[in-house]
Amino acid sequence: MQAPPAAPTGTTEIVWHERRYRARAIAGGAAFELYSDIREDGFHPSGGAFHRYVHASEVTSPGGELLLTGVAPLSIPVMPGVDAATVHRYSQNPRIGPAERALVSAVRATAFVTIGTRMVKPLSRHQVARQLTSAPLVSGVCYREFDVAHLRTPDDRVVLSGDPDDARDTSFALRWKAICACDYQSTEAANFPGLVTVPGRERRGSMILGTGFLPSGTHLIPEFATAGFADLPLTARAEILAYTPDGAEISLFQYQPQTNVWDRMAGARHRDLVNRIPGLETGRALFRTNPSVHAGLVGEHEGERVPVTADPGHGFSVYARGATSRTPVTRPQRFYTRARWRDIEVLALGRNEDWVRVRLSQPDLEAIMATDATCVERGIYECWAPLAELENPRMVVVDYPKDDRPAPCLPAGPARRFGCLSFAQFGGPSPPPPPRPPLDFGCGAHRMHGHVVLHCAGRRSPVAGRRSPVAGRRSRRRSGVSQAWPSFC
């Protein structure tokens, strides 16, 4: 992944808390590493000196590094009695009044995502292992890298963790570029009203406050979630990062969409970091993944629907194994699969025999109890559902602007939600057809994105209503036809 325009690599002199420090810009100017010759509060030993990390918005620098990041920081309205401390205090209270909530929402609206914004999601060691061996997708709560660039040590990044991990000597994260603003939502109560009321026994990680900000006693960090908690396809050169106690950021793996592999970037010097990820073969350099069938990217090329890859800043290209294709792509789209189960809207993630892995798109306590869903990470609730009980399976299509311009996403039909989502079978004219025959539950087989997808009429399971203990397999042979796994139908 290419970094944003870099700030000068040498040291400069900045002012922080009315004192001058030598500092080095990091993360393209979004944060600074401060140096001091004496021990001070918050400074840690680093060679023969002491250092700490602060956000660029907290310092005064003659170099204008904050402007080089290309990301707009939070803005606070100019009005009597309102400052950053006031907004932070309101943002940590899920029961604030209407006037205070309006103020917090106004500040939260100034944190937005554009094409190419670098996003990050904290991962545990086990999540890293799953990411390397599953479809190249991302979902759940995430952040702009700009807002968390000053959190460089594992102790500092604990506040971001959505999957509690006993290991505190190293932290991991996934970094990618946003394709479009319509793929992300604020975690405000207006978007996810049920998450605020979920009790602690049903949560994993810190609670969702409903103000759009991360629960933190010291930081004012805006939170984002993938739209409707749907899976988003990873962009070219997405990275899995490791952070060490000295504040170093090491790129461990990089995703190459043309070959569908995670390529190990860390050398022998950082072999100990890779060895902390459970289940990986020692010395393995490539991790091949299978493209997902239930979610992905498609586009039009010479009148045909073909799978495409996204590289924000460079546009979309036809999926060509081994090299980036220069073939022009028109009408790029993202698709994913939805259904209803027990009168609850769910996302279909994958299928195993007569069971389908589903995720709640609007989690609340009632839906969690009705589906017996489990919190697998912060804000994400999943369970297994009998295939025969799923109703109204449909493909949801998101139209992207073709060029990397700040143009609004165009809905494929009159139905509109989350800013630019268009829903098939929600009434009114239907959106354009999916890339291949739509999902159904009839008997037969069809081919989607180069993979044969088998779908058979579901039979009611004798253990319907109970969670399936069976985990999804990587691949399976049936009737001599290869099936990409996981698949919905």
Protein backbone atom coordinates (compact mmCIF):
# COMPACT_ATOMS: atom_id res chain seq x y z
CA MET A 1 0.00 0.00 0.00
CA GLN A 2 1.38 3.37 -0.97
CA ALA A 3 1.66 5.93 1.79
CA PRO A 4 0.13 9.40 1.54
CA PRO A 5 2.41 12.31 0.67
CA ALA A 6 5.19 11.97 3.19
CA ALA A 7 6.30 14.67 5.56
CA PRO A 8 10.02 15.36 5.82
CA THR A 9 11.81 12.34 7.27
CA GLY A 10 14.27 14.35 9.35
CA THR A 11 13.64 15.88 12.74
CA THR A 12 12.03 19.25 13.17
CA GLU A 13 11.20 21.49 16.09
CA ILE A 14 7.60 21.65 17.26
CA VAL A 15 5.72 23.17 20.19
CA TRP A 16 3.67 20.90 22.42
CA HIS A 17 2.10 22.06 25.69
CA GLU A 18 4.00 25.35 25.35
CA ARG A 19 7.36 23.60 25.24
CA ARG A 20 9.70 23.01 22.34
CA TYR A 21 10.74 19.49 21.37
CA ARG A 22 12.68 17.78 18.64
CA ALA A 23 10.23 15.65 16.72
CA ARG A 24 9.86 13.38 13.72
CA ALA A 25 6.70 13.23 11.61
CA ILE A 26 5.19 9.77 11.17
CA ALA A 27 2.17 8.33 9.31
CA GLY A 28 2.51 10.96 6.61
CA GLY A 29 2.34 13.81 9.13
CA ALA A 30 -0.67 12.58 11.11
CA ALA A 31 1.43 12.17 14.27
CA PHE A 32 4.82 13.08 15.73
CA GLU A 33 7.43 11.20 17.68
CA LEU A 34 8.75 13.62 20.31
CA TYR A 35 12.26 13.36 21.79
CA SER A 36 13.49 14.56 25.16
CA ASP A 37 16.88 14.35 26.85
CA ILE A 38 15.26 13.94 30.28
CA ARG A 39 12.50 11.67 31.55
CA GLU A 40 9.08 13.29 31.50
CA ASP A 41 5.55 12.06 32.08
CA GLY A 42 4.51 9.84 29.20
CA PHE A 43 8.03 9.57 27.74
CA HIS A 44 9.73 6.18 27.48
CA PRO A 45 13.39 5.26 27.03
CA SER A 46 14.60 5.08 23.44
CA GLY A 47 18.31 4.59 23.03
CA GLY A 48 20.05 7.40 24.85
CA ALA A 49 16.97 9.63 25.01
CA PHE A 50 13.23 9.46 25.77
CA HIS A 51 10.34 9.60 23.36
CA ARG A 52 6.55 9.60 23.08
CA TYR A 53 3.94 9.90 20.33
CA VAL A 54 1.37 12.69 19.98
CA HIS A 55 -1.20 13.53 17.33
CA ALA A 56 -0.38 16.26 14.83
CA SER A 57 -3.47 18.23 15.87
CA GLU A 58 -1.95 18.70 19.34
CA VAL A 59 1.26 20.39 18.23
CA THR A 60 2.34 23.55 16.48
CA SER A 61 4.73 22.85 13.64
CA PRO A 62 6.19 25.24 11.06
CA GLY A 63 6.24 22.46 8.45
CA GLY A 64 2.46 22.16 8.02
CA GLU A 65 2.63 18.37 8.23
CA LEU A 66 -1.03 18.13 9.17
CA LEU A 67 -2.00 19.58 5.79
CA LEU A 68 0.08 16.97 3.95
CA THR A 69 -2.00 14.08 5.27
CA GLY A 70 -4.92 14.88 2.98
CA VAL A 71 -7.40 14.01 5.75
CA ALA A 72 -9.63 16.53 7.46
CA PRO A 73 -9.31 16.49 11.28
CA LEU A 74 -12.25 16.87 13.63
CA SER A 75 -13.66 20.39 13.77
CA ILE A 76 -15.41 21.92 16.77
CA PRO A 77 -18.00 24.71 16.34
CA VAL A 78 -16.91 28.13 17.52
CA MET A 79 -19.38 28.96 20.28
CA PRO A 80 -19.16 30.06 23.91
CA GLY A 81 -18.39 27.32 26.41
CA VAL A 82 -17.51 24.70 23.81
CA ASP A 83 -14.03 23.27 23.50
CA ALA A 84 -12.40 19.89 22.90
CA ALA A 85 -12.73 18.89 26.57
CA THR A 86 -16.46 19.62 26.50
CA VAL A 87 -17.04 17.61 23.35
CA HIS A 88 -14.98 14.74 24.74
CA ARG A 89 -17.02 14.68 27.95
CA TYR A 90 -20.29 14.57 26.03
CA SER A 91 -18.97 11.92 23.62
CA GLN A 92 -18.37 9.49 26.48
CA ASN A 93 -21.94 9.64 27.78
CA PRO A 94 -24.50 7.51 25.90
CA ARG A 95 -27.37 9.22 27.79
CA ILE A 96 -26.70 12.85 26.91
CA GLY A 97 -29.59 15.17 26.19
CA PRO A 98 -30.79 16.32 22.76
CA ALA A 99 -28.79 19.57 22.79
CA GLU A 100 -25.55 17.84 23.79
CA ARG A 101 -26.15 15.06 21.27
CA ALA A 102 -26.66 17.61 18.52
CA LEU A 103 -23.29 19.15 19.37
CA VAL A 104 -21.54 15.78 19.38
CA SER A 105 -23.20 14.81 16.10
CA ALA A 106 -22.09 18.07 14.50
CA VAL A 107 -18.50 17.40 15.51
CA ARG A 108 -18.73 13.76 14.46
CA ALA A 109 -19.98 14.78 11.01
CA THR A 110 -16.67 16.53 10.34
CA ALA A 111 -14.88 13.17 10.35
CA PHE A 112 -15.61 11.65 6.97
CA VAL A 113 -14.16 9.08 4.62
CA THR A 114 -13.22 9.79 1.01
CA ILE A 115 -11.83 7.68 -1.81
CA GLY A 116 -8.41 6.43 -0.78
CA THR A 117 -8.71 7.21 2.95
CA ARG A 118 -6.50 4.76 4.81
CA MET A 119 -8.57 2.72 7.25
CA VAL A 120 -7.35 0.45 10.06
CA LYS A 121 -8.93 -2.27 12.15
CA PRO A 122 -7.28 -3.76 15.25
CA LEU A 123 -6.76 -7.51 15.14
CA SER A 124 -5.88 -10.14 17.68
CA ARG A 125 -3.40 -12.91 16.89
CA HIS A 126 -6.23 -15.31 16.15
CA GLN A 127 -7.94 -12.79 13.87
CA VAL A 128 -4.69 -12.39 11.93
CA ALA A 129 -4.57 -16.15 11.40
CA ARG A 130 -8.17 -16.16 10.15
CA GLN A 131 -7.53 -13.20 7.87
CA LEU A 132 -4.63 -14.99 6.19
CA THR A 133 -6.64 -18.13 5.51
CA SER A 134 -10.11 -16.78 4.67
CA ALA A 135 -11.63 -14.66 1.92
CA PRO A 136 -10.04 -11.20 1.48
CA LEU A 137 -12.83 -9.26 3.19
CA VAL A 138 -13.12 -6.89 6.12
CA SER A 139 -16.09 -5.98 8.30
CA GLY A 140 -16.93 -4.50 11.66
CA VAL A 141 -15.71 -1.47 13.60
CA CYS A 142 -12.74 0.39 12.16
CA TYR A 143 -11.00 3.77 12.25
CA ARG A 144 -9.28 6.23 9.98
CA GLU A 145 -5.54 5.78 10.28
CA PHE A 146 -5.25 9.54 10.63
CA ASP A 147 -7.19 9.47 13.93
CA VAL A 148 -5.16 6.70 15.58
CA ALA A 149 -1.69 7.36 14.13
CA HIS A 150 -0.38 8.48 17.53
CA LEU A 151 -1.33 5.17 19.19
CA ARG A 152 1.84 3.27 18.35
CA THR A 153 2.55 0.97 21.29
CA PRO A 154 0.55 -2.11 22.32
CA ASP A 155 -0.37 -0.45 25.62
CA ASP A 156 -1.73 2.59 23.80
CA ARG A 157 -3.63 0.51 21.27
CA VAL A 158 -5.47 -1.52 23.90
CA VAL A 159 -8.20 1.12 23.78
CA LEU A 160 -8.88 0.19 20.13
CA SER A 161 -9.04 -3.55 20.66
CA GLY A 162 -12.31 -5.12 19.68
CA ASP A 163 -11.13 -8.68 20.33
CA PRO A 164 -9.50 -8.91 23.78
CA ASP A 165 -6.14 -10.68 23.62
CA ASP A 166 -4.01 -11.72 26.56
CA ALA A 167 -0.80 -10.79 24.72
CA ARG A 168 0.18 -7.21 25.41
CA ASP A 169 3.72 -7.24 24.06
CA THR A 170 2.56 -6.95 20.43
CA SER A 171 -0.56 -5.64 18.74
CA PHE A 172 -1.77 -6.25 15.20
CA ALA A 173 -3.89 -4.30 12.75
CA LEU A 174 -5.28 -4.51 9.22
CA ARG A 175 -4.84 -1.47 6.97
CA TRP A 176 -6.52 -0.82 3.63
CA LYS A 177 -7.83 2.03 1.49
CA ALA A 178 -11.47 3.04 1.33
CA ILE A 179 -13.12 2.57 -2.06
CA CYS A 180 -16.04 4.90 -1.36
CA ALA A 181 -17.57 6.80 1.54
CA CYS A 182 -20.82 4.85 1.15
CA ASP A 183 -19.12 1.73 2.52
CA TYR A 184 -18.83 3.19 6.02
CA GLN A 185 -21.17 4.45 8.72
CA SER A 186 -20.73 6.20 12.00
CA THR A 187 -21.45 4.07 15.07
CA GLU A 188 -23.98 6.64 16.28
CA ALA A 189 -27.22 5.41 17.79
CA ALA A 190 -29.12 6.69 14.76
CA ASN A 191 -27.38 4.03 12.65
CA PHE A 192 -27.17 1.18 15.20
CA PRO A 193 -29.78 1.87 17.89
CA GLY A 194 -29.74 -1.63 19.31
CA LEU A 195 -26.01 -1.81 20.08
CA VAL A 196 -26.23 0.83 22.80
CA THR A 197 -28.62 -1.29 24.87
CA VAL A 198 -26.74 -4.60 24.59
CA PRO A 199 -25.69 -5.66 28.13
CA GLY A 200 -22.10 -6.38 29.00
CA ARG A 201 -22.58 -10.16 29.14
CA GLU A 202 -23.46 -10.15 25.42
CA ARG A 203 -20.58 -7.91 24.34
CA ARG A 204 -17.00 -8.45 23.37
CA GLY A 205 -14.65 -5.55 23.97
CA SER A 206 -15.80 -2.10 25.02
CA MET A 207 -19.39 -0.99 24.51
CA ILE A 208 -20.67 1.00 21.56
CA LEU A 209 -21.55 4.36 23.09
CA GLY A 210 -23.86 5.47 20.29
CA THR A 211 -22.15 8.88 20.02
CA GLY A 212 -19.92 7.88 17.14
CA PHE A 213 -16.78 8.06 19.26
CA LEU A 214 -14.54 5.45 20.86
CA PRO A 215 -14.91 4.92 24.63
CA SER A 216 -11.74 6.52 25.99
CA GLY A 217 -10.88 8.69 28.96
CA THR A 218 -8.20 10.61 27.08
CA HIS A 219 -8.77 10.37 23.31
CA LEU A 220 -11.48 11.79 21.04
CA ILE A 221 -11.45 9.20 18.24
CA PRO A 222 -14.32 8.86 15.74
CA GLU A 223 -15.52 5.33 15.11
CA PHE A 224 -16.68 3.84 11.84
CA ALA A 225 -18.38 0.57 10.94
CA THR A 226 -18.73 -1.12 7.59
CA ALA A 227 -22.18 -0.24 6.21
CA GLY A 228 -24.71 -2.56 7.79
CA PHE A 229 -21.77 -4.62 9.11
CA ALA A 230 -21.45 -6.12 5.63
CA ASP A 231 -18.19 -7.55 4.32
CA LEU A 232 -16.12 -5.18 2.19
CA PRO A 233 -13.57 -6.43 -0.34
CA LEU A 234 -9.97 -5.60 0.51
CA THR A 235 -8.15 -3.29 -1.84
CA ALA A 236 -4.81 -3.87 -3.52
CA ARG A 237 -1.81 -3.87 -1.20
CA ALA A 238 -3.78 -4.03 2.00
CA GLU A 239 -1.44 -4.79 4.89
CA ILE A 240 -1.34 -6.67 8.16
CA LEU A 241 0.78 -4.65 10.61
CA ALA A 242 2.46 -5.33 13.94
CA TYR A 243 3.22 -2.75 16.62
CA THR A 244 5.99 -3.32 19.16
CA PRO A 245 6.54 -1.77 22.62
CA ASP A 246 9.09 0.69 21.23
CA GLY A 247 6.48 2.12 18.84
CA ALA A 248 7.78 0.49 15.66
CA GLU A 249 5.28 -0.32 12.91
CA ILE A 250 6.20 -3.43 10.90
CA SER A 251 4.41 -4.57 7.78
CA LEU A 252 4.08 -8.35 8.12
CA PHE A 253 1.91 -9.28 5.12
CA GLN A 254 0.61 -7.54 2.01
CA TYR A 255 -2.41 -8.60 -0.05
CA GLN A 256 -1.94 -9.08 -3.79
CA PRO A 257 -5.38 -9.34 -5.47
CA GLN A 258 -4.06 -10.46 -8.87
CA THR A 259 -2.80 -13.71 -7.36
CA ASN A 260 -5.14 -13.84 -4.34
CA VAL A 261 -2.26 -14.27 -1.91
CA TRP A 262 -0.95 -12.63 1.24
CA ASP A 263 2.74 -12.06 0.67
CA ARG A 264 4.97 -12.01 3.73
CA MET A 265 6.89 -8.73 3.85
CA ALA A 266 8.70 -9.16 7.16
CA GLY A 267 12.17 -10.66 6.91
CA ALA A 268 14.16 -12.82 9.27
CA ARG A 269 14.63 -9.88 11.63
CA HIS A 270 10.92 -9.94 12.50
CA ARG A 271 10.41 -13.70 12.38
CA ASP A 272 9.50 -13.70 16.08
CA LEU A 273 6.50 -11.46 15.34
CA VAL A 274 5.19 -13.85 12.69
CA ASN A 275 5.74 -16.81 15.00
CA ARG A 276 3.34 -15.27 17.53
CA ILE A 277 0.46 -15.80 15.11
CA PRO A 278 -1.06 -19.20 15.97
CA GLY A 279 -1.40 -21.95 13.39
CA LEU A 280 1.06 -20.64 10.80
CA GLU A 281 3.70 -22.84 9.25
CA THR A 282 7.22 -21.77 10.14
CA GLY A 283 8.91 -20.04 7.21
CA ARG A 284 5.80 -19.89 5.03
CA ALA A 285 5.92 -16.81 2.78
CA LEU A 286 2.65 -17.01 0.79
CA PHE A 287 -0.90 -17.55 2.00
CA ARG A 288 -3.37 -18.18 -0.81
CA THR A 289 -7.01 -17.23 -0.28
CA ASN A 290 -10.18 -18.16 -2.12
CA PRO A 291 -12.33 -15.31 -3.51
CA SER A 292 -15.63 -14.99 -1.73
CA VAL A 293 -18.87 -15.88 -3.48
CA HIS A 294 -21.26 -14.06 -1.16
CA ALA A 295 -19.52 -10.65 -1.44
CA GLY A 296 -17.10 -8.99 -3.83
CA LEU A 297 -16.48 -6.54 -6.68
CA VAL A 298 -17.68 -6.78 -10.27
CA GLY A 299 -17.67 -4.49 -13.28
CA GLU A 300 -18.58 -4.35 -16.94
CA HIS A 301 -16.05 -5.09 -19.68
CA GLU A 302 -17.06 -5.39 -23.32
CA GLY A 303 -20.67 -5.92 -22.28
CA GLU A 304 -19.93 -8.73 -19.82
CA ARG A 305 -19.93 -8.78 -16.02
CA VAL A 306 -16.49 -9.72 -14.77
CA PRO A 307 -14.76 -9.77 -11.38
CA VAL A 308 -12.59 -6.71 -10.78
CA THR A 309 -10.08 -5.46 -8.25
CA ALA A 310 -9.91 -2.03 -6.65
CA ASP A 311 -6.85 0.13 -6.11
CA PRO A 312 -8.13 3.50 -4.82
CA GLY A 313 -6.19 6.25 -6.46
CA HIS A 314 -5.66 4.12 -9.56
CA GLY A 315 -9.24 2.99 -10.25
CA PHE A 316 -10.65 -0.45 -10.97
CA SER A 317 -9.16 -3.15 -13.17
CA VAL A 318 -10.24 -6.52 -14.50
CA TYR A 319 -9.10 -9.41 -12.37
CA ALA A 320 -6.13 -10.81 -14.30
CA ARG A 321 -4.10 -13.49 -12.62
CA GLY A 322 -0.45 -12.61 -12.35
CA ALA A 323 -0.52 -8.94 -13.31
CA THR A 324 -2.60 -5.81 -13.07
CA SER A 325 -4.79 -5.55 -16.15
CA ARG A 326 -5.05 -2.27 -18.04
CA THR A 327 -8.43 -3.27 -19.42
CA PRO A 328 -10.95 -0.47 -18.83
CA VAL A 329 -13.80 -1.24 -16.46
CA THR A 330 -17.16 0.48 -16.49
CA ARG A 331 -19.83 0.51 -13.82
CA PRO A 332 -17.92 -1.02 -10.88
CA GLN A 333 -20.18 -2.48 -8.22
CA ARG A 334 -19.95 -4.12 -4.83
CA PHE A 335 -22.37 -6.90 -3.99
CA TYR A 336 -23.25 -8.91 -0.90
CA THR A 337 -26.03 -11.25 0.18
CA ARG A 338 -28.91 -10.65 2.55
CA ALA A 339 -31.82 -12.75 3.79
CA ARG A 340 -34.41 -12.91 6.57
CA TRP A 341 -34.40 -15.44 9.35
CA ARG A 342 -36.96 -15.48 12.15
CA ASP A 343 -38.18 -12.06 10.94
CA ILE A 344 -34.69 -10.61 11.38
CA GLU A 345 -32.52 -9.15 8.62
CA VAL A 346 -29.24 -11.05 8.36
CA LEU A 347 -26.19 -11.14 6.11
CA ALA A 348 -25.32 -14.50 4.57
CA LEU A 349 -21.63 -15.28 4.96
CA GLY A 350 -21.10 -18.89 3.92
CA ARG A 351 -22.71 -22.30 3.70
CA ASN A 352 -21.86 -25.69 5.11
CA GLU A 353 -24.18 -28.50 4.06
CA ASP A 354 -27.70 -27.49 5.23
CA TRP A 355 -26.49 -24.63 7.40
CA VAL A 356 -25.67 -21.03 6.54
CA ARG A 357 -23.44 -18.73 8.56
CA VAL A 358 -25.30 -15.46 9.12
CA ARG A 359 -24.54 -12.11 10.76
CA LEU A 360 -26.97 -9.65 12.31
CA SER A 361 -27.03 -6.42 10.29
CA GLN A 362 -28.80 -4.50 13.08
CA PRO A 363 -27.84 -6.17 16.35
CA ASP A 364 -30.02 -5.62 19.40
CA LEU A 365 -30.79 -7.69 22.45
CA GLU A 366 -34.06 -9.05 21.04
CA ALA A 367 -32.40 -10.23 17.82
CA ILE A 368 -29.48 -11.73 19.73
CA MET A 369 -31.83 -13.73 21.93
CA ALA A 370 -34.05 -14.81 19.03
CA THR A 371 -31.15 -16.11 16.95
CA ASP A 372 -28.84 -17.23 19.76
CA ALA A 373 -26.10 -15.22 18.04
CA THR A 374 -22.63 -14.96 19.56
CA CYS A 375 -20.48 -11.84 19.66
CA VAL A 376 -17.41 -12.87 17.67
CA GLU A 377 -15.82 -9.41 17.81
CA ARG A 378 -16.84 -5.95 18.88
CA GLY A 379 -20.25 -5.18 17.34
CA ILE A 380 -20.34 -8.38 15.23
CA TYR A 381 -22.89 -11.09 16.10
CA GLU A 382 -22.98 -14.32 14.11
CA CYS A 383 -24.62 -17.73 14.27
CA TRP A 384 -25.56 -20.73 12.12
CA ALA A 385 -29.04 -20.86 10.59
CA PRO A 386 -30.77 -23.80 8.87
CA LEU A 387 -30.79 -23.24 5.13
CA ALA A 388 -34.45 -24.24 4.86
CA GLU A 389 -35.51 -21.46 7.25
CA LEU A 390 -33.93 -18.55 5.37
CA GLU A 391 -36.43 -16.34 3.59
CA ASN A 392 -36.12 -13.90 0.70
CA PRO A 393 -32.43 -14.38 -0.16
CA ARG A 394 -31.28 -11.55 -2.37
CA MET A 395 -28.21 -9.84 -3.68
CA VAL A 396 -27.57 -6.24 -2.66
CA VAL A 397 -25.70 -4.11 -5.18
CA VAL A 398 -23.76 -0.90 -4.55
CA ASP A 399 -22.89 1.21 -7.59
CA TYR A 400 -19.51 2.94 -7.35
CA PRO A 401 -18.41 5.96 -9.36
CA LYS A 402 -15.96 4.72 -11.98
CA ASP A 403 -13.34 7.42 -11.57
CA ASP A 404 -11.58 8.32 -8.34
CA ARG A 405 -13.55 11.51 -7.94
CA PRO A 406 -15.58 12.70 -4.94
CA ALA A 407 -18.80 11.95 -6.80
CA PRO A 408 -21.78 10.47 -4.98
CA CYS A 409 -22.57 6.80 -5.39
CA LEU A 410 -25.48 6.22 -7.71
CA PRO A 411 -28.21 3.86 -6.56
CA ALA A 412 -29.16 1.14 -9.01
CA GLY A 413 -32.83 1.74 -8.26
CA PRO A 414 -35.13 4.08 -6.34
CA ALA A 415 -34.54 2.27 -3.04
CA ARG A 416 -31.77 3.97 -1.12
CA ARG A 417 -30.21 3.32 2.25
CA PHE A 418 -26.90 4.04 3.96
CA GLY A 419 -26.44 6.89 1.49
CA CYS A 420 -26.11 4.82 -1.67
CA LEU A 421 -27.20 1.21 -1.24
CA SER A 422 -29.80 -0.14 -3.61
CA PHE A 423 -31.79 -3.20 -2.61
CA ALA A 424 -33.21 -5.80 -4.94
CA GLN A 425 -36.66 -7.16 -4.13
CA PHE A 426 -37.48 -4.22 -1.84
CA GLY A 427 -40.25 -3.03 -4.12
CA GLY A 428 -40.15 -0.75 -7.11
CA PRO A 429 -38.01 -1.31 -10.19
CA SER A 430 -35.29 -3.86 -9.67
CA PRO A 431 -31.61 -2.93 -9.93
CA PRO A 432 -29.49 -4.22 -12.79
CA PRO A 433 -28.98 -7.97 -12.74
CA PRO A 434 -26.15 -9.38 -10.63
CA PRO A 435 -22.97 -10.52 -12.32
CA ARG A 436 -24.32 -14.05 -12.71
CA PRO A 437 -27.67 -15.72 -12.13
CA PRO A 438 -29.03 -14.59 -8.75
CA LEU A 439 -28.88 -16.78 -5.72
CA ASP A 440 -31.77 -19.16 -5.24
CA PHE A 441 -32.65 -22.34 -3.43
CA GLY A 442 -33.61 -24.48 -6.41
CA CYS A 443 -31.64 -27.53 -7.44
CA GLY A 444 -28.85 -27.08 -9.91
CA ALA A 445 -25.58 -25.24 -10.33
CA HIS A 446 -24.33 -22.04 -11.88
CA ARG A 447 -20.97 -20.38 -12.30
CA MET A 448 -20.10 -17.10 -10.61
CA HIS A 449 -16.78 -15.25 -10.91
CA GLY A 450 -15.08 -18.35 -12.23
CA HIS A 451 -16.34 -20.60 -9.43
CA VAL A 452 -19.11 -23.14 -9.71
CA VAL A 453 -21.71 -22.51 -7.05
CA LEU A 454 -23.91 -25.44 -6.14
CA HIS A 455 -27.31 -24.86 -4.60
CA CYS A 456 -29.83 -27.45 -3.61
CA ALA A 457 -33.25 -27.24 -2.06
CA GLY A 458 -32.75 -27.17 1.68
CA ARG A 459 -34.23 -29.82 3.90
CA ARG A 460 -35.33 -28.93 7.37
CA SER A 461 -32.70 -30.07 9.80
CA PRO A 462 -33.76 -32.27 12.71
CA VAL A 463 -31.80 -29.87 14.92
CA ALA A 464 -33.30 -26.70 13.47
CA GLY A 465 -32.98 -23.79 15.84
CA ARG A 466 -29.72 -25.03 17.34
CA ARG A 467 -26.34 -23.62 16.48
CA SER A 468 -24.34 -25.88 14.20
CA PRO A 469 -21.04 -26.99 15.68
CA VAL A 470 -19.62 -27.59 12.22
CA ALA A 471 -17.05 -25.13 10.90
CA GLY A 472 -16.79 -24.19 7.21
CA ARG A 473 -14.37 -26.21 5.11
CA ARG A 474 -11.89 -24.70 2.73
CA SER A 475 -12.99 -26.70 -0.32
CA ARG A 476 -15.05 -29.73 -1.20
CA ARG A 477 -15.76 -32.00 -4.14
CA ARG A 478 -19.30 -32.90 -5.05
CA SER A 479 -20.38 -34.67 -8.22
CA GLY A 480 -16.99 -33.96 -9.75
CA VAL A 481 -17.50 -30.16 -9.55
CA SER A 482 -15.23 -27.89 -7.52
CA GLN A 483 -16.96 -25.46 -5.19
CA ALA A 484 -15.37 -22.33 -3.72
CA TRP A 485 -15.94 -22.31 0.06
CA PRO A 486 -17.50 -20.64 1.96
CA SER A 487 -20.48 -20.08 -0.30
CA PHE A 488 -24.07 -19.18 0.39
CA CYS A 489 -25.87 -21.18 -2.25
